[in-house]
Amino acid sequence: MASVSLSDPAVQSYILYSGVLALKVLGVAILTSRVRYTKKVFANEEDAKRTKSKVKHDDPDVERVRRAHLNDLENIPAFWILGALYLTTSPEAAWATLLFRLYAAGRILHTVVYAVTPLPQPARAIAFGVPFMITLYMGVKVILHYFTAL
């Protein structure tokens, strides 16, 4: 197995973009709250009472932001795991950095075109598909690297 060092530019890039993605996930949670407060729509009775709002579980704007957040929670952890494993395969730093950068940009763009300023397809499909393919690529590279080492 390859040695992974914090002085490796690929590792530094992974750490940088992992931090960006973590803040992005937190930002979408805040965006969900903002949409709820703006629309005066909450999922819990105690929140609705406190703000003199209503309980509603099917507001389209809130649900769109929640789906974007759920999509992050389904996809970004896979990037964190596979990206870290990918680093153990000693990828070229410039290539790894490009993959991490494109992944982060794609996930940010996905939130923008899905939850902030909804755009017609194929904008969301592309913004989802590029990062998904990067994650898939890293996973396959990890499997091939270690399968051939057996």
C-alpha atoms as a PDB file:
ATOM      1  CA  MET A   1       0.000   0.000   0.000  1.00  0.00           C
ATOM      2  CA  ALA A   2       1.244   3.480  -0.832  1.00  0.00           C
ATOM      3  CA  SER A   3       2.212   5.866   1.915  1.00  0.00           C
ATOM      4  CA  VAL A   4      -0.106   8.847   2.301  1.00  0.00           C
ATOM      5  CA  SER A   5       1.508  12.027   3.587  1.00  0.00           C
ATOM      6  CA  LEU A   6      -0.010  15.373   4.522  1.00  0.00           C
ATOM      7  CA  SER A   7       2.750  17.016   2.478  1.00  0.00           C
ATOM      8  CA  ASP A   8       1.459  15.318  -0.691  1.00  0.00           C
ATOM      9  CA  PRO A   9      -0.331  17.902  -2.882  1.00  0.00           C
ATOM     10  CA  ALA A  10      -3.043  15.338  -3.731  1.00  0.00           C
ATOM     11  CA  VAL A  11      -3.745  14.797  -0.030  1.00  0.00           C
ATOM     12  CA  GLN A  12      -3.813  18.533   0.594  1.00  0.00           C
ATOM     13  CA  SER A  13      -6.235  18.948  -2.296  1.00  0.00           C
ATOM     14  CA  TYR A  14      -8.453  16.175  -0.927  1.00  0.00           C
ATOM     15  CA  ILE A  15      -8.481  17.842   2.500  1.00  0.00           C
ATOM     16  CA  LEU A  16      -9.284  21.252   1.001  1.00  0.00           C
ATOM     17  CA  TYR A  17     -12.181  20.020  -1.140  1.00  0.00           C
ATOM     18  CA  SER A  18     -13.478  17.742   1.619  1.00  0.00           C
ATOM     19  CA  GLY A  19     -13.678  20.819   3.845  1.00  0.00           C
ATOM     20  CA  VAL A  20     -15.458  22.774   1.120  1.00  0.00           C
ATOM     21  CA  LEU A  21     -17.970  19.949   0.712  1.00  0.00           C
ATOM     22  CA  ALA A  22     -18.572  19.661   4.459  1.00  0.00           C
ATOM     23  CA  LEU A  23     -19.322  23.389   4.627  1.00  0.00           C
ATOM     24  CA  LYS A  24     -21.573  23.016   1.592  1.00  0.00           C
ATOM     25  CA  VAL A  25     -23.619  20.301   3.338  1.00  0.00           C
ATOM     26  CA  LEU A  26     -23.995  22.584   6.363  1.00  0.00           C
ATOM     27  CA  GLY A  27     -24.916  25.475   4.066  1.00  0.00           C
ATOM     28  CA  VAL A  28     -27.744  23.503   2.479  1.00  0.00           C
ATOM     29  CA  ALA A  29     -29.087  22.769   5.967  1.00  0.00           C
ATOM     30  CA  ILE A  30     -29.142  26.520   6.600  1.00  0.00           C
ATOM     31  CA  LEU A  31     -30.772  27.058   3.204  1.00  0.00           C
ATOM     32  CA  THR A  32     -33.521  24.621   4.207  1.00  0.00           C
ATOM     33  CA  SER A  33     -34.142  26.606   7.398  1.00  0.00           C
ATOM     34  CA  ARG A  34     -34.206  29.859   5.462  1.00  0.00           C
ATOM     35  CA  VAL A  35     -36.791  28.537   3.019  1.00  0.00           C
ATOM     36  CA  ARG A  36     -38.909  27.229   5.908  1.00  0.00           C
ATOM     37  CA  TYR A  37     -38.825  30.611   7.672  1.00  0.00           C
ATOM     38  CA  THR A  38     -39.493  32.531   4.468  1.00  0.00           C
ATOM     39  CA  LYS A  39     -42.480  30.333   3.596  1.00  0.00           C
ATOM     40  CA  LYS A  40     -43.587  30.010   7.260  1.00  0.00           C
ATOM     41  CA  VAL A  41     -43.809  26.243   6.835  1.00  0.00           C
ATOM     42  CA  PHE A  42     -42.440  23.806   9.395  1.00  0.00           C
ATOM     43  CA  ALA A  43     -42.418  20.057   9.901  1.00  0.00           C
ATOM     44  CA  ASN A  44     -42.911  20.173  13.675  1.00  0.00           C
ATOM     45  CA  GLU A  45     -45.754  21.615  15.710  1.00  0.00           C
ATOM     46  CA  GLU A  46     -43.437  23.256  18.283  1.00  0.00           C
ATOM     47  CA  ASP A  47     -41.543  25.121  15.548  1.00  0.00           C
ATOM     48  CA  ALA A  48     -44.747  26.254  13.885  1.00  0.00           C
ATOM     49  CA  LYS A  49     -46.206  27.500  17.196  1.00  0.00           C
ATOM     50  CA  ARG A  50     -43.070  29.419  18.078  1.00  0.00           C
ATOM     51  CA  THR A  51     -43.131  31.275  14.769  1.00  0.00           C
ATOM     52  CA  LYS A  52     -46.909  31.479  14.355  1.00  0.00           C
ATOM     53  CA  SER A  53     -46.615  29.378  11.224  1.00  0.00           C
ATOM     54  CA  LYS A  54     -48.177  26.171  10.000  1.00  0.00           C
ATOM     55  CA  VAL A  55     -47.176  22.534   9.881  1.00  0.00           C
ATOM     56  CA  LYS A  56     -46.869  21.341   6.331  1.00  0.00           C
ATOM     57  CA  HIS A  57     -44.903  18.402   4.971  1.00  0.00           C
ATOM     58  CA  ASP A  58     -45.375  18.935   1.263  1.00  0.00           C
ATOM     59  CA  ASP A  59     -44.364  22.492   0.456  1.00  0.00           C
ATOM     60  CA  PRO A  60     -42.702  22.216  -2.984  1.00  0.00           C
ATOM     61  CA  ASP A  61     -39.982  24.790  -2.279  1.00  0.00           C
ATOM     62  CA  VAL A  62     -39.008  23.272   1.064  1.00  0.00           C
ATOM     63  CA  GLU A  63     -39.094  19.772  -0.379  1.00  0.00           C
ATOM     64  CA  ARG A  64     -36.837  20.789  -3.282  1.00  0.00           C
ATOM     65  CA  VAL A  65     -34.172  22.075  -0.902  1.00  0.00           C
ATOM     66  CA  ARG A  66     -34.581  19.032   1.362  1.00  0.00           C
ATOM     67  CA  ARG A  67     -34.119  16.710  -1.624  1.00  0.00           C
ATOM     68  CA  ALA A  68     -30.934  18.567  -2.589  1.00  0.00           C
ATOM     69  CA  HIS A  69     -29.687  18.160   0.988  1.00  0.00           C
ATOM     70  CA  LEU A  70     -30.581  14.469   0.992  1.00  0.00           C
ATOM     71  CA  ASN A  71     -28.781  14.061  -2.328  1.00  0.00           C
ATOM     72  CA  ASP A  72     -25.664  15.564  -0.721  1.00  0.00           C
ATOM     73  CA  LEU A  73     -25.977  13.211   2.238  1.00  0.00           C
ATOM     74  CA  GLU A  74     -26.218  10.251  -0.148  1.00  0.00           C
ATOM     75  CA  ASN A  75     -23.292  11.220  -2.380  1.00  0.00           C
ATOM     76  CA  ILE A  76     -20.677  13.274  -0.524  1.00  0.00           C
ATOM     77  CA  PRO A  77     -19.824  10.606   2.103  1.00  0.00           C
ATOM     78  CA  ALA A  78     -19.070   8.186  -0.744  1.00  0.00           C
ATOM     79  CA  PHE A  79     -16.660  10.796  -2.134  1.00  0.00           C
ATOM     80  CA  TRP A  80     -14.965  11.130   1.248  1.00  0.00           C
ATOM     81  CA  ILE A  81     -14.474   7.374   1.560  1.00  0.00           C
ATOM     82  CA  LEU A  82     -13.499   6.632  -2.038  1.00  0.00           C
ATOM     83  CA  GLY A  83     -11.372   9.779  -2.312  1.00  0.00           C
ATOM     84  CA  ALA A  84      -9.376   8.788   0.761  1.00  0.00           C
ATOM     85  CA  LEU A  85      -8.963   5.233  -0.549  1.00  0.00           C
ATOM     86  CA  TYR A  86      -8.024   6.618  -3.976  1.00  0.00           C
ATOM     87  CA  LEU A  87      -5.159   8.533  -2.386  1.00  0.00           C
ATOM     88  CA  THR A  88      -3.644   5.217  -1.261  1.00  0.00           C
ATOM     89  CA  THR A  89      -3.202   4.248  -4.928  1.00  0.00           C
ATOM     90  CA  SER A  90      -0.591   7.023  -5.410  1.00  0.00           C
ATOM     91  CA  PRO A  91      -2.466   8.970  -8.086  1.00  0.00           C
ATOM     92  CA  GLU A  92      -0.729  11.755  -9.944  1.00  0.00           C
ATOM     93  CA  ALA A  93      -1.268  14.887  -7.830  1.00  0.00           C
ATOM     94  CA  ALA A  94      -2.459  17.082 -10.705  1.00  0.00           C
ATOM     95  CA  TRP A  95      -4.989  14.467 -11.855  1.00  0.00           C
ATOM     96  CA  ALA A  96      -6.275  13.813  -8.326  1.00  0.00           C
ATOM     97  CA  THR A  97      -6.582  17.557  -7.710  1.00  0.00           C
ATOM     98  CA  LEU A  98      -8.533  17.979 -10.949  1.00  0.00           C
ATOM     99  CA  LEU A  99     -10.907  15.173  -9.951  1.00  0.00           C
ATOM    100  CA  PHE A 100     -11.447  16.589  -6.448  1.00  0.00           C
ATOM    101  CA  ARG A 101     -11.954  20.099  -7.819  1.00  0.00           C
ATOM    102  CA  LEU A 102     -14.433  18.974 -10.480  1.00  0.00           C
ATOM    103  CA  TYR A 103     -16.306  16.881  -7.931  1.00  0.00           C
ATOM    104  CA  ALA A 104     -16.680  19.804  -5.517  1.00  0.00           C
ATOM    105  CA  ALA A 105     -17.655  22.207  -8.309  1.00  0.00           C
ATOM    106  CA  GLY A 106     -20.211  19.741  -9.642  1.00  0.00           C
ATOM    107  CA  ARG A 107     -21.806  19.206  -6.237  1.00  0.00           C
ATOM    108  CA  ILE A 108     -22.019  22.961  -5.650  1.00  0.00           C
ATOM    109  CA  LEU A 109     -23.474  23.467  -9.119  1.00  0.00           C
ATOM    110  CA  HIS A 110     -25.977  20.663  -8.462  1.00  0.00           C
ATOM    111  CA  THR A 111     -27.324  22.532  -5.434  1.00  0.00           C
ATOM    112  CA  VAL A 112     -27.506  25.782  -7.378  1.00  0.00           C
ATOM    113  CA  VAL A 113     -29.388  24.336 -10.359  1.00  0.00           C
ATOM    114  CA  TYR A 114     -31.625  22.133  -8.201  1.00  0.00           C
ATOM    115  CA  ALA A 115     -32.423  24.148  -5.079  1.00  0.00           C
ATOM    116  CA  VAL A 116     -31.302  27.761  -5.457  1.00  0.00           C
ATOM    117  CA  THR A 117     -32.141  28.653  -9.061  1.00  0.00           C
ATOM    118  CA  PRO A 118     -33.865  25.604 -10.565  1.00  0.00           C
ATOM    119  CA  LEU A 119     -32.920  25.114 -14.193  1.00  0.00           C
ATOM    120  CA  PRO A 120     -34.465  22.712 -16.699  1.00  0.00           C
ATOM    121  CA  GLN A 121     -32.819  19.402 -17.474  1.00  0.00           C
ATOM    122  CA  PRO A 122     -30.156  18.488 -18.455  1.00  0.00           C
ATOM    123  CA  ALA A 123     -28.488  21.029 -16.138  1.00  0.00           C
ATOM    124  CA  ARG A 124     -29.177  19.034 -12.972  1.00  0.00           C
ATOM    125  CA  ALA A 125     -28.353  15.715 -14.647  1.00  0.00           C
ATOM    126  CA  ILE A 126     -24.949  17.012 -15.754  1.00  0.00           C
ATOM    127  CA  ALA A 127     -24.251  18.594 -12.365  1.00  0.00           C
ATOM    128  CA  PHE A 128     -25.113  15.261 -10.732  1.00  0.00           C
ATOM    129  CA  GLY A 129     -23.550  12.993 -13.343  1.00  0.00           C
ATOM    130  CA  VAL A 130     -20.043  14.451 -13.499  1.00  0.00           C
ATOM    131  CA  PRO A 131     -19.366  14.077  -9.753  1.00  0.00           C
ATOM    132  CA  PHE A 132     -21.046  10.669  -9.764  1.00  0.00           C
ATOM    133  CA  MET A 133     -18.759   9.477 -12.566  1.00  0.00           C
ATOM    134  CA  ILE A 134     -15.721  10.813 -10.693  1.00  0.00           C
ATOM    135  CA  THR A 135     -16.714   8.855  -7.598  1.00  0.00           C
ATOM    136  CA  LEU A 136     -17.296   5.768  -9.720  1.00  0.00           C
ATOM    137  CA  TYR A 137     -13.900   6.230 -11.405  1.00  0.00           C
ATOM    138  CA  MET A 138     -12.107   6.510  -8.061  1.00  0.00           C
ATOM    139  CA  GLY A 139     -13.882   3.423  -6.754  1.00  0.00           C
ATOM    140  CA  VAL A 140     -12.954   1.380  -9.807  1.00  0.00           C
ATOM    141  CA  LYS A 141      -9.330   2.589  -9.605  1.00  0.00           C
ATOM    142  CA  VAL A 142      -9.143   1.511  -5.957  1.00  0.00           C
ATOM    143  CA  ILE A 143     -10.608  -1.927  -6.696  1.00  0.00           C
ATOM    144  CA  LEU A 144      -8.343  -2.506  -9.696  1.00  0.00           C
ATOM    145  CA  HIS A 145      -5.270  -1.305  -7.819  1.00  0.00           C
ATOM    146  CA  TYR A 146      -5.795  -3.624  -4.884  1.00  0.00           C
ATOM    147  CA  PHE A 147      -7.283  -6.531  -6.840  1.00  0.00           C
ATOM    148  CA  THR A 148      -4.196  -6.738  -9.035  1.00  0.00           C
ATOM    149  CA  ALA A 149      -2.000  -6.510  -5.919  1.00  0.00           C
ATOM    150  CA  LEU A 150      -3.509  -9.729  -4.508  1.00  0.00           C
END
